[in-house]
Protein backbone atom coordinates (compact mmCIF):
# COMPACT_ATOMS: atom_id res chain seq x y z
CA MET A 1 17.03 -170.55 -15.47
CA TYR A 2 17.83 -171.39 -12.22
CA SER A 3 15.26 -173.48 -11.37
CA GLN A 4 17.13 -176.45 -11.19
CA ILE A 5 19.55 -175.38 -8.96
CA ILE A 6 17.36 -174.85 -6.30
CA LYS A 7 15.81 -178.43 -6.53
CA ASP A 8 19.00 -179.90 -6.02
CA PHE A 9 19.88 -177.45 -3.71
CA ILE A 10 16.75 -178.52 -1.87
CA ASN A 11 17.55 -182.49 -2.10
CA GLY A 12 20.70 -181.51 -0.87
CA GLU A 13 20.27 -179.57 2.20
CA SER A 14 16.68 -181.65 2.95
CA LEU A 15 14.60 -178.54 2.57
CA PRO A 16 10.83 -178.75 2.25
CA GLN A 17 9.59 -178.55 -1.66
CA SER A 18 7.25 -175.49 0.24
CA TYR A 19 11.66 -174.08 -0.49
CA LEU A 20 10.85 -173.77 -4.42
CA VAL A 21 7.71 -171.49 -4.55
CA ASP A 22 9.41 -168.69 -2.15
CA ALA A 23 12.87 -169.18 -3.81
CA GLU A 24 11.60 -168.52 -7.45
CA LYS A 25 9.00 -166.08 -6.31
CA TYR A 26 11.07 -164.00 -4.38
CA PHE A 27 15.44 -164.42 -4.47
CA ILE A 28 15.36 -165.29 -8.57
CA PRO A 29 14.50 -161.11 -8.20
CA LEU A 30 16.95 -161.16 -5.51
CA VAL A 31 19.62 -162.53 -7.54
CA ASN A 32 18.75 -160.28 -10.69
CA LEU A 33 18.87 -157.10 -7.95
CA ILE A 34 22.67 -157.79 -6.28
CA ILE A 35 23.86 -158.91 -9.79
CA ASN A 36 22.70 -155.08 -11.05
CA LYS A 37 24.41 -153.74 -7.96
CA THR A 38 27.93 -155.74 -8.73
CA ASN A 39 27.94 -154.86 -12.43
CA GLN A 40 27.12 -150.67 -10.96
CA SER A 41 30.09 -150.88 -8.58
CA GLU A 42 33.30 -150.51 -9.03
CA THR A 43 34.35 -152.37 -6.30
CA ALA A 44 33.22 -155.92 -4.91
CA PRO A 45 29.97 -154.80 -3.41
CA ILE A 46 28.99 -156.43 0.58
CA VAL A 47 25.51 -157.69 0.49
CA GLY A 48 24.84 -158.23 4.52
CA ILE A 49 21.97 -161.25 5.31
CA SER A 50 20.37 -160.64 8.38
CA GLY A 51 18.38 -162.64 10.30
CA ALA A 52 17.22 -164.85 13.44
CA GLN A 53 18.26 -167.81 14.21
CA GLY A 54 16.00 -170.56 12.41
CA THR A 55 15.00 -167.96 9.59
CA GLY A 56 17.19 -169.37 6.74
CA LYS A 57 19.70 -167.01 6.14
CA THR A 58 22.72 -169.44 6.17
CA SER A 59 20.20 -171.53 3.56
CA LEU A 60 19.98 -168.56 1.61
CA SER A 61 23.40 -166.95 1.38
CA GLU A 62 23.93 -170.92 -0.07
CA LEU A 63 22.08 -170.54 -2.84
CA LEU A 64 22.86 -167.06 -3.32
CA GLU A 65 26.52 -168.57 -3.57
CA LYS A 66 24.98 -171.27 -5.93
CA ILE A 67 23.16 -169.39 -8.16
CA LEU A 68 25.70 -166.55 -8.50
CA LYS A 69 28.39 -168.65 -9.19
CA THR A 70 26.61 -169.81 -12.32
CA LYS A 71 26.85 -166.10 -13.53
CA ASP A 72 31.04 -166.35 -13.22
CA LEU A 73 31.01 -163.94 -10.16
CA ASN A 74 34.17 -164.66 -7.96
CA VAL A 75 32.01 -165.06 -4.88
CA VAL A 76 33.37 -164.67 -1.57
CA LYS A 77 30.38 -166.03 1.09
CA PHE A 78 31.46 -165.81 4.70
CA SER A 79 29.29 -165.99 8.68
CA ILE A 80 30.21 -163.29 11.56
CA ASP A 81 30.40 -166.33 13.37
CA ASP A 82 33.92 -167.22 11.46
CA PHE A 83 35.43 -164.58 13.11
CA TYR A 84 34.29 -165.31 16.89
CA LEU A 85 37.55 -164.67 19.20
CA THR A 86 38.71 -167.39 20.38
CA LYS A 87 38.09 -169.83 23.29
CA MET A 88 40.95 -167.66 25.20
CA GLU A 89 40.22 -164.54 24.32
CA ARG A 90 36.43 -164.99 25.32
CA GLN A 91 37.94 -166.84 28.57
CA SER A 92 40.16 -163.81 29.34
CA LEU A 93 36.94 -161.33 28.69
CA ALA A 94 34.70 -163.41 31.10
CA ILE A 95 37.55 -162.95 33.63
CA ASN A 96 37.90 -160.07 33.12
CA VAL A 97 34.51 -158.48 31.89
CA HIS A 98 31.68 -160.01 32.60
CA PRO A 99 30.68 -163.92 33.14
CA LEU A 100 28.32 -163.96 30.46
CA LEU A 101 30.91 -162.96 27.98
CA GLN A 102 32.74 -166.61 27.84
CA THR A 103 29.31 -167.61 25.59
CA ARG A 104 29.84 -166.25 22.01
CA GLY A 105 27.36 -165.02 20.01
CA ILE A 106 26.94 -160.85 21.14
CA PRO A 107 28.52 -157.85 20.05
CA GLY A 108 31.81 -158.25 21.69
CA THR A 109 32.94 -161.65 21.20
CA HIS A 110 34.11 -161.28 17.48
CA ASP A 111 37.70 -160.29 15.76
CA THR A 112 35.85 -157.27 14.22
CA VAL A 113 39.51 -155.93 13.95
CA LEU A 114 40.83 -158.82 12.06
CA LEU A 115 36.97 -158.31 9.64
CA SER A 116 38.14 -155.19 8.77
CA GLU A 117 41.24 -155.90 8.07
CA LYS A 118 40.02 -159.03 5.76
CA LEU A 119 37.27 -156.59 4.61
CA ASP A 120 39.61 -153.99 3.40
CA GLN A 121 42.71 -156.95 1.45
CA LEU A 122 38.89 -157.79 -0.20
CA ALA A 123 38.32 -154.51 -1.26
CA LYS A 124 41.78 -153.80 -2.87
CA PRO A 125 40.75 -154.21 -7.31
CA ASP A 126 44.38 -154.51 -7.36
CA ASN A 127 45.15 -157.08 -5.26
CA ASN A 128 45.84 -161.14 -6.17
CA GLU A 129 47.78 -161.78 -3.30
CA ILE A 130 45.49 -165.45 -1.58
CA ILE A 131 43.33 -164.12 0.86
CA GLN A 132 42.42 -166.59 4.00
CA VAL A 133 39.34 -165.48 5.98
CA PRO A 134 38.92 -167.59 8.97
CA ARG A 135 36.78 -170.47 9.86
CA PHE A 136 35.06 -171.35 13.48
CA ASN A 137 34.55 -174.66 14.77
CA LYS A 138 30.98 -174.71 16.83
CA ALA A 139 31.65 -177.97 18.06
CA SER A 140 34.97 -177.68 19.69
CA ASP A 141 33.97 -173.58 20.54
CA ASP A 142 37.29 -172.53 19.38
CA ARG A 143 39.13 -171.21 15.24
CA TYR A 144 40.40 -174.14 13.77
CA SER A 145 43.81 -173.63 12.72
CA GLU A 146 44.95 -171.40 9.80
CA LYS A 147 46.20 -174.18 7.20
CA GLU A 148 42.44 -175.05 7.45
CA TRP A 149 41.08 -171.64 6.85
CA GLN A 150 38.75 -170.68 4.08
CA ILE A 151 41.35 -169.65 1.26
CA ILE A 152 40.58 -166.81 -1.53
CA GLN A 153 41.67 -166.68 -4.78
CA PRO A 154 41.08 -162.69 -4.91
CA PRO A 155 39.39 -160.08 -6.98
CA PRO A 156 36.52 -161.25 -6.05
CA ASP A 157 32.93 -159.87 -7.73
CA LEU A 158 30.66 -160.10 -4.15
CA ILE A 159 31.01 -160.48 -0.90
CA ILE A 160 28.09 -161.80 1.32
CA ILE A 161 27.94 -161.32 4.83
CA GLU A 162 25.48 -163.30 6.99
CA GLY A 163 24.88 -163.22 10.59
CA TRP A 164 22.08 -163.05 13.19
CA PHE A 165 22.51 -159.12 14.17
CA VAL A 166 24.14 -157.64 10.82
CA GLY A 167 23.30 -154.33 10.05
CA ALA A 168 21.58 -153.87 13.28
CA PRO A 169 21.90 -150.35 14.46
CA PRO A 170 22.93 -148.81 18.24
CA LEU A 171 21.29 -150.42 21.05
CA ASP A 172 19.39 -146.71 23.49
CA ILE A 173 21.50 -146.78 26.20
CA ASN A 174 18.80 -145.44 28.15
CA SER A 175 16.93 -149.24 28.07
CA LEU A 176 19.79 -150.96 29.48
CA GLU A 177 18.54 -149.88 33.13
CA GLU A 178 15.44 -152.28 33.24
CA PRO A 179 16.79 -156.03 32.07
CA VAL A 180 14.50 -158.08 29.18
CA ASN A 181 14.51 -161.45 31.09
CA GLU A 182 15.68 -163.47 33.83
CA LEU A 183 19.77 -163.67 32.89
CA GLU A 184 19.98 -160.00 32.50
CA ALA A 185 18.23 -159.82 36.03
CA ALA A 186 19.88 -162.80 37.76
CA GLU A 187 23.39 -162.90 36.06
CA ASP A 188 24.27 -158.93 34.94
CA ILE A 189 21.74 -157.57 37.96
CA ASP A 190 24.96 -154.54 37.25
CA GLY A 191 24.50 -154.16 33.95
CA GLU A 192 27.71 -154.27 32.79
CA TRP A 193 27.53 -157.33 30.60
CA ARG A 194 25.04 -155.41 28.41
CA ASN A 195 26.49 -152.13 28.95
CA PHE A 196 29.38 -153.62 27.53
CA MET A 197 27.11 -155.31 24.16
CA THR A 198 26.43 -152.12 23.65
CA LYS A 199 29.18 -149.56 23.24
CA GLN A 200 31.29 -152.63 21.37
CA LEU A 201 28.00 -152.72 19.02
CA GLU A 202 28.77 -148.79 18.45
CA GLU A 203 32.18 -148.87 18.25
CA ASN A 204 33.50 -151.65 16.50
CA TYR A 205 30.24 -152.55 14.60
CA GLN A 206 28.64 -150.29 12.71
CA SER A 207 31.78 -149.10 10.50
CA ILE A 208 31.75 -152.23 9.13
CA PHE A 209 27.86 -152.57 8.79
CA ASP A 210 28.10 -149.01 7.42
CA GLN A 211 30.43 -150.94 4.14
CA ILE A 212 26.86 -153.42 3.92
CA GLU A 213 25.68 -152.35 -0.10
CA LEU A 214 22.31 -154.09 0.25
CA LEU A 215 20.99 -155.14 3.35
CA ILE A 216 18.59 -158.46 2.97
CA PHE A 217 16.53 -158.92 6.54
CA LEU A 218 14.91 -162.00 7.27
CA LYS A 219 12.25 -160.97 9.94
CA ALA A 220 10.71 -164.11 11.80
CA PRO A 221 7.07 -163.74 13.62
CA SER A 222 8.42 -163.01 16.29
CA PHE A 223 11.15 -163.61 19.45
CA GLU A 224 9.14 -166.09 21.12
CA GLN A 225 8.61 -168.36 17.82
CA ILE A 226 12.87 -167.34 17.03
CA PHE A 227 12.69 -169.49 20.84
CA GLU A 228 9.75 -171.97 19.96
CA TRP A 229 12.48 -172.87 16.40
CA ARG A 230 15.12 -173.19 18.28
CA ASN A 231 13.58 -176.22 20.64
CA LEU A 232 12.34 -178.00 17.81
CA GLN A 233 15.66 -177.77 16.73
CA GLU A 234 17.33 -179.71 19.39
CA LYS A 235 13.95 -182.13 19.76
CA LYS A 236 14.70 -183.54 16.61
CA LEU A 237 18.56 -183.80 17.05
CA ARG A 238 18.05 -185.41 20.62
CA LYS A 239 15.29 -188.03 17.94
CA ARG A 240 18.76 -188.33 15.46
CA VAL A 241 21.96 -188.93 17.60
CA GLY A 242 20.13 -189.36 21.02
CA HIS A 243 21.28 -188.20 24.90
CA SER A 244 24.35 -185.56 24.13
CA GLN A 245 26.05 -183.09 26.89
CA ASN A 246 25.97 -180.95 24.23
CA LEU A 247 22.20 -180.54 23.80
CA MET A 248 20.56 -178.51 25.60
CA SER A 249 16.81 -179.36 27.57
CA LYS A 250 14.11 -176.27 26.95
CA PRO A 251 15.12 -174.99 30.66
CA GLN A 252 19.13 -174.85 29.63
CA LEU A 253 17.74 -174.06 26.18
CA ALA A 254 15.46 -170.66 27.54
CA ARG A 255 18.42 -169.06 29.61
CA PHE A 256 20.42 -169.78 26.22
CA ILE A 257 18.80 -167.79 23.75
CA GLN A 258 18.26 -165.03 27.18
CA HIS A 259 21.48 -163.97 26.28
CA TYR A 260 20.46 -162.40 22.58
CA GLU A 261 16.57 -161.20 23.52
CA ARG A 262 17.69 -157.89 24.46
CA LEU A 263 19.97 -157.98 20.62
CA THR A 264 17.09 -160.17 19.01
CA ARG A 265 13.99 -157.80 19.81
CA HIS A 266 16.14 -154.99 19.04
CA CYS A 267 16.43 -156.44 15.60
CA LEU A 268 12.44 -156.86 15.20
CA ARG A 269 11.80 -154.04 15.46
CA ASN A 270 14.70 -151.86 13.84
CA LEU A 271 15.56 -153.32 10.46
CA PRO A 272 12.72 -153.47 8.37
CA LYS A 273 13.77 -149.74 8.82
CA LYS A 274 16.92 -150.07 7.99
CA ALA A 275 17.51 -153.00 5.43
CA ASP A 276 16.90 -152.88 1.04
CA VAL A 277 15.17 -155.85 1.68
CA VAL A 278 12.67 -157.37 4.21
CA PHE A 279 11.40 -160.84 3.99
CA ASP A 280 8.71 -160.97 6.46
CA LEU A 281 8.25 -164.92 7.55
CA ASN A 282 5.70 -167.25 9.42
CA GLU A 283 5.40 -169.43 11.89
CA LYS A 284 6.41 -172.05 9.41
CA HIS A 285 9.42 -170.58 7.68
CA GLN A 286 7.42 -169.38 5.36
CA ILE A 287 7.74 -165.73 3.11
CA ILE A 288 4.56 -164.05 3.72
CA SER A 289 5.50 -161.19 2.28
CA CYS A 290 8.03 -159.03 0.95
CA LEU A 291 9.71 -155.17 0.37
CA GLY A 292 11.95 -153.12 -1.61
CA LEU A 293 11.84 -156.26 -4.74
CA ASP A 294 9.72 -153.95 -7.10
């Protein structure tokens, strides 16, 4: 029923043909689950798609959006990345809290107040005012101007929010004393940065994640595999565009990805127990097992 949509999507995104097998076996039943959830909800249910970089969460959210729109559903889709603090706001955090907060990504580098406001607006079924959702320009490392934000015509039937730690439960504060890598040991000696991240995750994100009615987790084989996927991505970019100041060497990438190691490992341990649907991936990004789709 959806095969042609999937094939067109694979060709448009230059995905491997093996994606078709996974999509037909797993993602079509997922679509049916989401449709049932939508039909049973009085307001637009929020579907969370979580997974580390390279797991395919963005591709999955885009494919779901395309298929669900063929069912005449008003689907709103965005990434938690769209709600990053502005460059100036993160510079202020780096000066006043910790220098590592200049790098976006961890809890505390998003505008959770703005995200909550937008979710509240989208949740009102009688709200007929056009809603604007922010967009983030990763090339300039800053938020797009408001005139370039996503325009949403309410009311939505379904909201999809994706991100690398969407749905993550709070970190254990007792685990923070020992650094998990060289970055934490050398650049967060007193633990202020990881304590800030932990506090932010618990105080400012849990109320947002609690609104998710269906949580989908794409589980990478390991943190080490996530690094290899990202390194391969950098190599492919280097071949395509040549040497660029925006591309990272392997040592630079190793340092960069350490910003996310603690929370990524936490998600790998805990989200399979929390998520409603879990897709277990192998090193080739293929789904080898699934929980939650009966």
